[in-house]
Amino acid sequence: MILVSVLLLSCDDDYPYAEVPSVILNEFWAQYADAKDAEFNPSGQDYEVDFNLNGKDHSAVIHASGNILKEKKEIEWNELPPAVQQTLEKEYGQKKIEDPEWVKIAEEILYQVEINRFFIDKKIVLNAAGEIEANRTYWK
């Protein structure tokens, strides 16, 4: 009996997703079957998931209902739309741009980057037309 009790109590340690609702896990694995190193972090009734896919960092926010609210992935400079590249080159210069990311919120696609200047770092969000979305919050 003692052995069975110990085994049952230790099950949560063996299964890292024991606290994550199954609807969230099911949606995540359905969308990102090849994901590696997935870490689920509760945020209210949502879960933010950080994971690696095809060697790149990704994140997703999944609602308790299983709907993916937003997602982002690390991309390369050449994966940014030409209009976004033009705006960034004109305003900041390509060498000052770091960590470009593709972000999808509902059906809207945005891009976010970090600008590294001497003593000043800035994080900006742009739409696909290359317009800076000053009212948008950078998703860390």
C-alpha atoms as a PDB file:
ATOM      1  CA  MET A   1       0.000   0.000   0.000  1.00  0.00           C
ATOM      2  CA  ILE A   2       2.774   2.395   0.891  1.00  0.00           C
ATOM      3  CA  LEU A   3       4.546   1.698  -2.383  1.00  0.00           C
ATOM      4  CA  VAL A   4       1.361   2.344  -4.383  1.00  0.00           C
ATOM      5  CA  SER A   5       0.765   5.596  -2.486  1.00  0.00           C
ATOM      6  CA  VAL A   6       4.298   6.818  -3.177  1.00  0.00           C
ATOM      7  CA  LEU A   7       3.981   5.972  -6.858  1.00  0.00           C
ATOM      8  CA  LEU A   8       0.661   7.793  -7.173  1.00  0.00           C
ATOM      9  CA  LEU A   9       1.978  10.896  -5.414  1.00  0.00           C
ATOM     10  CA  SER A  10       5.032  11.038  -7.632  1.00  0.00           C
ATOM     11  CA  CYS A  11       3.058  10.840 -10.905  1.00  0.00           C
ATOM     12  CA  ASP A  12       2.746  14.621 -11.233  1.00  0.00           C
ATOM     13  CA  ASP A  13       6.532  14.964 -11.228  1.00  0.00           C
ATOM     14  CA  ASP A  14       6.819  12.480 -14.080  1.00  0.00           C
ATOM     15  CA  TYR A  15       4.250  14.262 -16.198  1.00  0.00           C
ATOM     16  CA  PRO A  16       5.163  17.955 -16.505  1.00  0.00           C
ATOM     17  CA  TYR A  17       1.797  18.949 -17.979  1.00  0.00           C
ATOM     18  CA  ALA A  18      -0.360  17.479 -15.196  1.00  0.00           C
ATOM     19  CA  GLU A  19      -1.689  20.902 -14.153  1.00  0.00           C
ATOM     20  CA  VAL A  20      -2.509  22.035 -17.701  1.00  0.00           C
ATOM     21  CA  PRO A  21      -6.141  21.494 -18.785  1.00  0.00           C
ATOM     22  CA  SER A  22      -6.480  18.812 -21.458  1.00  0.00           C
ATOM     23  CA  VAL A  23      -8.328  21.126 -23.881  1.00  0.00           C
ATOM     24  CA  ILE A  24      -5.269  23.416 -23.922  1.00  0.00           C
ATOM     25  CA  LEU A  25      -2.829  20.530 -24.332  1.00  0.00           C
ATOM     26  CA  ASN A  26      -4.917  18.991 -27.112  1.00  0.00           C
ATOM     27  CA  GLU A  27      -5.087  22.237 -29.093  1.00  0.00           C
ATOM     28  CA  PHE A  28      -1.403  22.941 -28.598  1.00  0.00           C
ATOM     29  CA  TRP A  29      -0.260  19.491 -29.744  1.00  0.00           C
ATOM     30  CA  ALA A  30      -2.750  19.532 -32.647  1.00  0.00           C
ATOM     31  CA  GLN A  31      -1.271  22.815 -33.926  1.00  0.00           C
ATOM     32  CA  TYR A  32       2.372  22.213 -33.010  1.00  0.00           C
ATOM     33  CA  ALA A  33       2.887  18.439 -33.145  1.00  0.00           C
ATOM     34  CA  ASP A  34       6.663  18.779 -33.648  1.00  0.00           C
ATOM     35  CA  ALA A  35       7.211  21.287 -30.820  1.00  0.00           C
ATOM     36  CA  LYS A  36      10.083  20.697 -28.412  1.00  0.00           C
ATOM     37  CA  ASP A  37      10.674  21.897 -24.844  1.00  0.00           C
ATOM     38  CA  ALA A  38       7.137  23.247 -24.363  1.00  0.00           C
ATOM     39  CA  GLU A  39       6.665  25.223 -21.135  1.00  0.00           C
ATOM     40  CA  PHE A  40       3.106  26.104 -20.118  1.00  0.00           C
ATOM     41  CA  ASN A  41       2.620  29.116 -17.858  1.00  0.00           C
ATOM     42  CA  PRO A  42      -0.839  30.034 -16.542  1.00  0.00           C
ATOM     43  CA  SER A  43      -1.955  33.637 -16.959  1.00  0.00           C
ATOM     44  CA  GLY A  44      -5.474  34.060 -15.599  1.00  0.00           C
ATOM     45  CA  GLN A  45      -7.634  31.615 -17.548  1.00  0.00           C
ATOM     46  CA  ASP A  46      -5.143  31.546 -20.430  1.00  0.00           C
ATOM     47  CA  TYR A  47      -1.866  29.679 -20.791  1.00  0.00           C
ATOM     48  CA  GLU A  48       1.237  31.091 -22.451  1.00  0.00           C
ATOM     49  CA  VAL A  49       3.358  28.389 -24.022  1.00  0.00           C
ATOM     50  CA  ASP A  50       7.015  28.905 -24.915  1.00  0.00           C
ATOM     51  CA  PHE A  51       8.485  26.234 -27.169  1.00  0.00           C
ATOM     52  CA  ASN A  52      10.982  25.455 -29.884  1.00  0.00           C
ATOM     53  CA  LEU A  53       9.908  24.467 -33.379  1.00  0.00           C
ATOM     54  CA  ASN A  54      12.318  23.767 -36.217  1.00  0.00           C
ATOM     55  CA  GLY A  55      15.152  25.303 -34.213  1.00  0.00           C
ATOM     56  CA  LYS A  56      13.377  28.622 -33.609  1.00  0.00           C
ATOM     57  CA  ASP A  57      11.719  30.115 -30.533  1.00  0.00           C
ATOM     58  CA  HIS A  58       7.930  30.300 -30.587  1.00  0.00           C
ATOM     59  CA  SER A  59       5.197  31.349 -28.163  1.00  0.00           C
ATOM     60  CA  ALA A  60       1.441  31.009 -28.114  1.00  0.00           C
ATOM     61  CA  VAL A  61      -1.349  32.130 -25.808  1.00  0.00           C
ATOM     62  CA  ILE A  62      -4.167  29.615 -25.547  1.00  0.00           C
ATOM     63  CA  HIS A  63      -7.504  30.448 -23.912  1.00  0.00           C
ATOM     64  CA  ALA A  64      -9.130  28.018 -21.478  1.00  0.00           C
ATOM     65  CA  SER A  65     -11.591  27.135 -24.263  1.00  0.00           C
ATOM     66  CA  GLY A  66      -8.701  25.892 -26.400  1.00  0.00           C
ATOM     67  CA  ASN A  67      -8.672  28.833 -28.842  1.00  0.00           C
ATOM     68  CA  ILE A  68      -5.252  30.154 -29.771  1.00  0.00           C
ATOM     69  CA  LEU A  69      -5.451  33.881 -29.045  1.00  0.00           C
ATOM     70  CA  LYS A  70      -2.058  34.887 -30.346  1.00  0.00           C
ATOM     71  CA  GLU A  71       1.199  33.361 -31.472  1.00  0.00           C
ATOM     72  CA  LYS A  72       4.678  34.518 -32.385  1.00  0.00           C
ATOM     73  CA  LYS A  73       7.834  33.092 -33.858  1.00  0.00           C
ATOM     74  CA  GLU A  74      11.403  34.131 -34.313  1.00  0.00           C
ATOM     75  CA  ILE A  75      12.229  34.991 -37.945  1.00  0.00           C
ATOM     76  CA  GLU A  76      15.196  36.209 -39.974  1.00  0.00           C
ATOM     77  CA  TRP A  77      15.586  39.685 -41.481  1.00  0.00           C
ATOM     78  CA  ASN A  78      14.902  38.370 -44.992  1.00  0.00           C
ATOM     79  CA  GLU A  79      11.557  36.934 -43.812  1.00  0.00           C
ATOM     80  CA  LEU A  80      10.220  40.413 -43.018  1.00  0.00           C
ATOM     81  CA  PRO A  81       7.958  41.880 -45.724  1.00  0.00           C
ATOM     82  CA  PRO A  82       9.728  44.369 -48.023  1.00  0.00           C
ATOM     83  CA  ALA A  83       7.652  47.287 -46.675  1.00  0.00           C
ATOM     84  CA  VAL A  84       8.718  46.462 -43.104  1.00  0.00           C
ATOM     85  CA  GLN A  85      12.371  46.164 -44.171  1.00  0.00           C
ATOM     86  CA  GLN A  86      12.188  49.528 -45.955  1.00  0.00           C
ATOM     87  CA  THR A  87      10.717  51.317 -42.925  1.00  0.00           C
ATOM     88  CA  LEU A  88      13.303  49.820 -40.579  1.00  0.00           C
ATOM     89  CA  GLU A  89      16.223  50.616 -42.889  1.00  0.00           C
ATOM     90  CA  LYS A  90      15.012  54.192 -43.393  1.00  0.00           C
ATOM     91  CA  GLU A  91      14.279  54.900 -39.712  1.00  0.00           C
ATOM     92  CA  TYR A  92      16.997  52.900 -37.950  1.00  0.00           C
ATOM     93  CA  GLY A  93      19.351  51.114 -40.347  1.00  0.00           C
ATOM     94  CA  GLN A  94      19.423  47.336 -40.692  1.00  0.00           C
ATOM     95  CA  LYS A  95      22.461  46.860 -38.431  1.00  0.00           C
ATOM     96  CA  LYS A  96      20.550  48.217 -35.440  1.00  0.00           C
ATOM     97  CA  ILE A  97      17.679  45.716 -35.817  1.00  0.00           C
ATOM     98  CA  GLU A  98      17.673  42.606 -33.638  1.00  0.00           C
ATOM     99  CA  ASP A  99      15.320  39.727 -32.914  1.00  0.00           C
ATOM    100  CA  PRO A 100      12.652  40.149 -35.603  1.00  0.00           C
ATOM    101  CA  GLU A 101       9.467  38.247 -34.827  1.00  0.00           C
ATOM    102  CA  TRP A 102       6.267  37.400 -36.661  1.00  0.00           C
ATOM    103  CA  VAL A 103       3.159  37.892 -34.487  1.00  0.00           C
ATOM    104  CA  LYS A 104      -0.392  36.783 -35.203  1.00  0.00           C
ATOM    105  CA  ILE A 105      -3.234  38.134 -33.078  1.00  0.00           C
ATOM    106  CA  ALA A 106      -6.608  36.768 -34.204  1.00  0.00           C
ATOM    107  CA  GLU A 107      -6.238  37.085 -37.999  1.00  0.00           C
ATOM    108  CA  GLU A 108      -3.914  40.107 -37.935  1.00  0.00           C
ATOM    109  CA  ILE A 109      -0.225  39.681 -38.767  1.00  0.00           C
ATOM    110  CA  LEU A 110       2.291  42.036 -37.148  1.00  0.00           C
ATOM    111  CA  TYR A 111       6.077  42.184 -36.866  1.00  0.00           C
ATOM    112  CA  GLN A 112       8.091  43.258 -33.879  1.00  0.00           C
ATOM    113  CA  VAL A 113      11.791  44.071 -33.570  1.00  0.00           C
ATOM    114  CA  GLU A 114      14.283  45.419 -31.075  1.00  0.00           C
ATOM    115  CA  ILE A 115      16.262  48.509 -32.023  1.00  0.00           C
ATOM    116  CA  ASN A 116      19.680  48.750 -30.387  1.00  0.00           C
ATOM    117  CA  ARG A 117      21.232  52.193 -30.377  1.00  0.00           C
ATOM    118  CA  PHE A 118      24.019  53.615 -28.303  1.00  0.00           C
ATOM    119  CA  PHE A 119      22.523  53.833 -24.773  1.00  0.00           C
ATOM    120  CA  ILE A 120      18.968  53.512 -26.074  1.00  0.00           C
ATOM    121  CA  ASP A 121      17.101  50.283 -26.778  1.00  0.00           C
ATOM    122  CA  LYS A 122      13.655  50.422 -28.273  1.00  0.00           C
ATOM    123  CA  LYS A 123      11.049  47.799 -29.109  1.00  0.00           C
ATOM    124  CA  ILE A 124       8.580  48.477 -31.893  1.00  0.00           C
ATOM    125  CA  VAL A 125       5.647  46.765 -33.593  1.00  0.00           C
ATOM    126  CA  LEU A 126       4.875  47.199 -37.296  1.00  0.00           C
ATOM    127  CA  ASN A 127       2.080  46.057 -39.568  1.00  0.00           C
ATOM    128  CA  ALA A 128       2.711  44.292 -42.883  1.00  0.00           C
ATOM    129  CA  ALA A 129       2.502  47.641 -44.731  1.00  0.00           C
ATOM    130  CA  GLY A 130       5.577  48.801 -42.795  1.00  0.00           C
ATOM    131  CA  GLU A 131       3.705  51.276 -40.608  1.00  0.00           C
ATOM    132  CA  ILE A 132       4.844  51.552 -37.001  1.00  0.00           C
ATOM    133  CA  GLU A 133       1.990  50.651 -34.657  1.00  0.00           C
ATOM    134  CA  ALA A 134       2.784  53.024 -31.771  1.00  0.00           C
ATOM    135  CA  ASN A 135      -0.358  52.032 -29.867  1.00  0.00           C
ATOM    136  CA  ARG A 136       0.574  48.314 -29.875  1.00  0.00           C
ATOM    137  CA  THR A 137       2.361  46.692 -26.977  1.00  0.00           C
ATOM    138  CA  TYR A 138       5.489  44.709 -27.748  1.00  0.00           C
ATOM    139  CA  TRP A 139       4.956  41.072 -26.748  1.00  0.00           C
ATOM    140  CA  LYS A 140       7.909  39.954 -24.669  1.00  0.00           C
END
